[in-house]
Amino acid sequence: MITFGIIDFLDILLVALLLYYIYRLMKASSAANIFSGIMVLILVWILVSQIFEMRLLGGILDKIVNMGALALIILFQEEIRHFFSSIGTRSHMGFLMRILGRKRSADNGQREEIMPIVMACLSMSKQKEGALIVIERQVALREIIETGDTINADINQRLIENIFFKNSPLHDGAMIISHKRIKAAGCILPVAHDNDIPKSLGLRHRAALGISQKSDCLAIIISEETGGISIARNGEFHLRLTAEELESRLAQDWN
């Protein structure tokens, strides 16, 4: 007689949540098709070896699955590294707040820290000056910071605008904000090569998406063609933001 208790239900629920999280991680890194193919292979393996008990085909699939574990570690080493990094740096309270969908409201001190960034973005948007600002969160961006020129200055609206002025030598790179300070500018970011990125979005957007796929940072993009303000976070774009929307999203992720 088969019994099904609360422990079995929790077991299934946790496995489903784990698979869903892994799928989102793979989707963000454009490896969703590979993940889907792996799930199909595992399903066929279970059907062949456990349900239909086909010994020959089941034995072959057993060998493939056993050897495939090492191949998967090599194939998805970047995604696995990001997975454990996000777990290790995420606070329990922040994790619960994301699950419950609660939004953190910015206090007066937080708003004073955020507003220079918002005002600089609005000013550059009106003048159609391209910009790429990356705000570090839990995952450190030390390697990215080292690719640019060190600044280590307080967050200042005029400084941000001067860095991204069209004739500035640091104009084409990314600015990194870490620990509420402008750490570096002219930094080089990894570029996303996803095929589903709209062709209207340029190299800045691809670079912003690329760094958001490899860390939990918040990347702000100002389009040089349209002046539109966009954000890349967790491998997803949020396009054509208003000043209020930009301020709200910064407040949610401001450390």
Protein backbone atom coordinates (compact mmCIF):
# COMPACT_ATOMS: atom_id res chain seq x y z
CA MET A 1 0.00 0.00 0.00
CA ILE A 2 1.37 3.40 -1.05
CA THR A 3 1.25 6.12 1.60
CA PHE A 4 1.54 9.82 0.85
CA GLY A 5 2.22 12.15 3.76
CA ILE A 6 3.24 15.71 4.44
CA ILE A 7 6.96 14.84 4.12
CA ASP A 8 6.36 13.45 0.61
CA PHE A 9 4.47 16.62 -0.34
CA LEU A 10 7.30 18.83 0.95
CA ASP A 11 9.83 16.66 -0.88
CA ILE A 12 8.03 17.13 -4.21
CA LEU A 13 7.50 20.84 -3.58
CA LEU A 14 11.18 21.47 -2.79
CA VAL A 15 12.32 19.55 -5.88
CA ALA A 16 9.87 21.54 -8.03
CA LEU A 17 11.14 24.83 -6.59
CA LEU A 18 14.75 23.78 -7.15
CA LEU A 19 14.06 22.85 -10.78
CA TYR A 20 12.21 26.11 -11.34
CA TYR A 21 15.11 28.12 -9.88
CA ILE A 22 17.61 26.23 -12.03
CA TYR A 23 15.44 26.83 -15.11
CA ARG A 24 15.35 30.58 -14.40
CA LEU A 25 19.12 30.56 -13.97
CA MET A 26 19.55 28.72 -17.28
CA LYS A 27 17.08 31.03 -19.02
CA ALA A 28 18.98 34.09 -17.85
CA SER A 29 22.18 32.66 -19.32
CA SER A 30 20.53 31.61 -22.63
CA ALA A 31 20.98 27.91 -21.76
CA ALA A 32 17.26 27.15 -21.36
CA ASN A 33 17.20 24.92 -24.45
CA ILE A 34 20.05 22.80 -23.10
CA PHE A 35 18.30 22.51 -19.73
CA SER A 36 15.06 21.43 -21.45
CA GLY A 37 16.94 18.81 -23.44
CA ILE A 38 18.53 17.46 -20.26
CA MET A 39 15.11 17.20 -18.57
CA VAL A 40 13.74 15.29 -21.58
CA LEU A 41 16.70 12.89 -21.43
CA ILE A 42 16.14 12.29 -17.69
CA LEU A 43 12.42 11.68 -18.30
CA VAL A 44 13.18 9.14 -21.05
CA TRP A 45 15.75 7.48 -18.77
CA ILE A 46 13.19 7.10 -15.96
CA LEU A 47 10.57 5.69 -18.34
CA VAL A 48 12.96 3.23 -19.95
CA SER A 49 14.79 1.97 -16.85
CA GLN A 50 12.18 2.26 -14.09
CA ILE A 51 8.76 1.89 -15.72
CA PHE A 52 9.24 -0.21 -18.87
CA GLU A 53 12.37 -1.95 -17.48
CA MET A 54 14.18 -2.13 -20.82
CA ARG A 55 17.50 -3.58 -19.71
CA LEU A 56 19.65 -2.91 -22.79
CA LEU A 57 18.48 0.63 -23.53
CA GLY A 58 18.23 1.35 -19.82
CA GLY A 59 21.84 0.23 -19.30
CA ILE A 60 23.05 2.52 -22.08
CA LEU A 61 21.14 5.46 -20.66
CA ASP A 62 22.50 4.66 -17.18
CA LYS A 63 26.05 5.03 -18.48
CA ILE A 64 25.16 8.29 -20.27
CA VAL A 65 23.56 9.74 -17.14
CA ASN A 66 26.47 8.69 -14.92
CA MET A 67 29.05 10.23 -17.25
CA GLY A 68 26.80 13.20 -17.95
CA ALA A 69 27.09 14.51 -14.38
CA LEU A 70 30.74 15.47 -14.91
CA ALA A 71 29.96 16.87 -18.35
CA LEU A 72 27.23 19.08 -16.89
CA ILE A 73 29.60 20.50 -14.28
CA ILE A 74 32.04 21.46 -17.05
CA LEU A 75 29.31 22.75 -19.37
CA PHE A 76 27.51 24.87 -16.77
CA GLN A 77 30.45 25.88 -14.58
CA GLU A 78 29.62 29.60 -14.92
CA GLU A 79 25.95 29.05 -14.01
CA ILE A 80 26.84 26.78 -11.08
CA ARG A 81 29.30 29.38 -9.80
CA HIS A 82 26.62 32.07 -10.01
CA PHE A 83 24.09 29.77 -8.31
CA PHE A 84 26.26 29.15 -5.23
CA SER A 85 27.46 32.76 -5.17
CA SER A 86 23.88 34.05 -5.06
CA ILE A 87 23.00 31.62 -2.27
CA GLY A 88 26.06 32.47 -0.22
CA THR A 89 25.64 36.24 -0.43
CA ARG A 90 21.88 36.55 -0.11
CA SER A 91 20.62 37.48 3.34
CA HIS A 92 17.67 35.53 4.77
CA MET A 93 15.61 38.66 5.22
CA GLY A 94 16.16 39.79 1.65
CA PHE A 95 15.25 36.33 0.40
CA LEU A 96 12.00 36.31 2.39
CA MET A 97 11.11 39.79 1.19
CA ARG A 98 11.53 38.70 -2.41
CA ILE A 99 9.33 35.64 -1.88
CA LEU A 100 6.60 37.71 -0.22
CA GLY A 101 6.88 40.38 -2.88
CA ARG A 102 7.39 43.15 -0.34
CA LYS A 103 9.03 46.42 -1.38
CA ARG A 104 11.46 48.30 0.78
CA SER A 105 10.69 51.99 0.96
CA ALA A 106 13.61 54.38 0.88
CA ASP A 107 14.14 56.56 3.94
CA ASN A 108 15.34 60.14 3.70
CA GLY A 109 19.02 59.18 3.90
CA GLN A 110 18.62 56.56 1.21
CA ARG A 111 16.80 59.01 -1.06
CA GLU A 112 19.65 61.51 -0.73
CA GLU A 113 22.07 58.81 -1.89
CA ILE A 114 19.90 57.75 -4.82
CA MET A 115 18.77 61.13 -6.17
CA PRO A 116 22.16 62.19 -7.65
CA ILE A 117 22.06 59.06 -9.82
CA VAL A 118 18.42 59.66 -10.82
CA MET A 119 19.01 63.34 -11.63
CA ALA A 120 22.15 62.56 -13.63
CA CYS A 121 20.26 59.92 -15.64
CA LEU A 122 17.42 62.36 -16.36
CA SER A 123 19.86 65.05 -17.46
CA MET A 124 21.78 62.68 -19.75
CA SER A 125 18.50 61.30 -21.09
CA LYS A 126 17.35 64.78 -22.15
CA GLN A 127 20.67 65.45 -23.88
CA LYS A 128 20.79 61.93 -25.37
CA GLU A 129 24.17 61.18 -23.86
CA GLY A 130 24.83 57.46 -23.69
CA ALA A 131 25.68 56.03 -20.29
CA LEU A 132 26.11 52.70 -18.52
CA ILE A 133 26.06 52.65 -14.71
CA VAL A 134 26.45 49.37 -12.81
CA ILE A 135 25.51 49.26 -9.14
CA GLU A 136 27.17 46.43 -7.20
CA ARG A 137 24.99 44.55 -4.74
CA GLN A 138 25.92 41.30 -2.96
CA VAL A 139 28.17 39.75 -5.65
CA ALA A 140 31.48 41.63 -5.78
CA LEU A 141 32.56 43.16 -9.10
CA ARG A 142 36.26 43.44 -8.25
CA GLU A 143 37.42 41.92 -11.54
CA ILE A 144 35.23 44.32 -13.53
CA ILE A 145 36.44 47.34 -11.53
CA GLU A 146 40.06 46.43 -12.31
CA THR A 147 39.39 46.76 -16.07
CA GLY A 148 38.68 50.49 -15.74
CA ASP A 149 40.20 53.62 -14.23
CA THR A 150 39.93 53.96 -10.45
CA ILE A 151 37.99 56.97 -9.21
CA ASN A 152 36.81 56.14 -5.65
CA ALA A 153 34.69 59.28 -5.20
CA ASP A 154 31.41 60.17 -3.56
CA ILE A 155 28.32 59.83 -5.73
CA ASN A 156 27.83 63.22 -7.37
CA GLN A 157 25.47 64.22 -10.18
CA ARG A 158 27.95 66.54 -11.92
CA LEU A 159 30.75 63.96 -11.74
CA ILE A 160 28.52 61.30 -13.33
CA GLU A 161 27.53 63.67 -16.14
CA ASN A 162 31.16 64.69 -16.77
CA ILE A 163 32.29 61.06 -16.99
CA PHE A 164 29.69 60.30 -19.66
CA PHE A 165 30.11 63.58 -21.55
CA LYS A 166 30.56 62.76 -25.24
CA ASN A 167 34.14 64.03 -25.39
CA SER A 168 35.20 62.27 -22.18
CA PRO A 169 37.75 59.44 -22.62
CA LEU A 170 35.67 57.33 -20.19
CA HIS A 171 32.43 57.88 -22.07
CA ASP A 172 32.25 54.48 -23.76
CA GLY A 173 32.94 52.31 -20.72
CA ALA A 174 30.82 51.43 -17.69
CA MET A 175 30.80 53.20 -14.34
CA ILE A 176 30.82 50.94 -11.27
CA ILE A 177 29.19 52.07 -8.02
CA SER A 178 30.16 49.96 -5.02
CA HIS A 179 29.52 50.55 -1.31
CA LYS A 180 27.78 53.85 -2.17
CA ARG A 181 30.85 55.24 -3.94
CA ILE A 182 31.88 55.62 -7.56
CA LYS A 183 34.71 53.09 -7.67
CA ALA A 184 35.74 53.17 -11.33
CA ALA A 185 34.78 54.26 -14.84
CA GLY A 186 35.63 53.09 -18.34
CA CYS A 187 35.17 49.48 -17.22
CA ILE A 188 34.74 46.61 -19.68
CA LEU A 189 31.69 44.37 -19.23
CA PRO A 190 30.92 40.90 -20.62
CA VAL A 191 28.55 41.16 -23.57
CA ALA A 192 25.40 39.03 -23.78
CA HIS A 193 24.93 37.13 -27.05
CA ASP A 194 21.27 36.15 -26.59
CA ASN A 195 19.47 35.85 -29.91
CA ASP A 196 16.21 37.25 -28.53
CA ILE A 197 17.63 40.71 -27.72
CA PRO A 198 15.81 43.31 -29.88
CA LYS A 199 17.99 44.60 -32.71
CA SER A 200 17.11 48.15 -31.72
CA LEU A 201 19.19 47.75 -28.55
CA GLY A 202 22.88 48.46 -28.94
CA LEU A 203 26.15 47.34 -27.38
CA ARG A 204 25.50 49.15 -24.08
CA HIS A 205 22.30 47.19 -23.57
CA ARG A 206 24.05 43.91 -24.41
CA ALA A 207 26.85 44.70 -21.97
CA ALA A 208 24.34 45.61 -19.25
CA LEU A 209 22.46 42.36 -19.81
CA GLY A 210 25.73 40.41 -19.80
CA ILE A 211 26.83 41.68 -16.39
CA SER A 212 23.33 41.18 -14.97
CA GLN A 213 23.49 37.53 -16.03
CA LYS A 214 26.77 36.98 -14.19
CA SER A 215 25.96 38.86 -10.96
CA ASP A 216 23.06 40.30 -8.98
CA CYS A 217 23.96 43.88 -9.92
CA LEU A 218 21.66 46.59 -11.23
CA ALA A 219 22.74 48.08 -14.57
CA ILE A 220 21.29 51.40 -15.76
CA ILE A 221 21.49 52.22 -19.47
CA ILE A 222 20.91 55.59 -21.15
CA SER A 223 20.36 55.19 -24.89
CA GLU A 224 22.43 57.54 -27.04
CA GLU A 225 19.93 57.21 -29.90
CA THR A 226 16.62 57.73 -28.06
CA GLY A 227 17.60 58.98 -24.61
CA GLY A 228 15.51 56.19 -23.09
CA ILE A 229 16.35 54.99 -19.58
CA SER A 230 16.48 51.21 -19.09
CA ILE A 231 17.58 48.75 -16.43
CA ALA A 232 19.05 45.25 -16.69
CA ARG A 233 18.65 43.00 -13.67
CA ASN A 234 18.79 39.21 -13.26
CA GLY A 235 19.23 38.79 -17.01
CA GLU A 236 16.10 40.77 -17.88
CA PHE A 237 15.47 44.22 -19.34
CA HIS A 238 13.11 46.87 -17.97
CA LEU A 239 12.85 49.42 -20.76
CA ARG A 240 11.67 53.03 -21.05
CA LEU A 241 11.53 53.83 -17.34
CA THR A 242 10.20 57.08 -15.94
CA ALA A 243 12.04 59.02 -13.22
CA GLU A 244 9.69 57.62 -10.58
CA GLU A 245 10.18 54.05 -11.79
CA LEU A 246 13.96 54.45 -11.83
CA GLU A 247 13.97 55.85 -8.30
CA SER A 248 11.68 53.05 -7.08
CA ARG A 249 13.87 50.30 -8.54
CA LEU A 250 17.02 51.87 -7.15
CA ALA A 251 15.41 52.09 -3.72
CA GLN A 252 14.51 48.39 -3.82
CA ASP A 253 18.07 47.29 -4.54
CA TRP A 254 20.07 49.96 -2.72
CA ASN A 255 22.36 48.45 -0.05
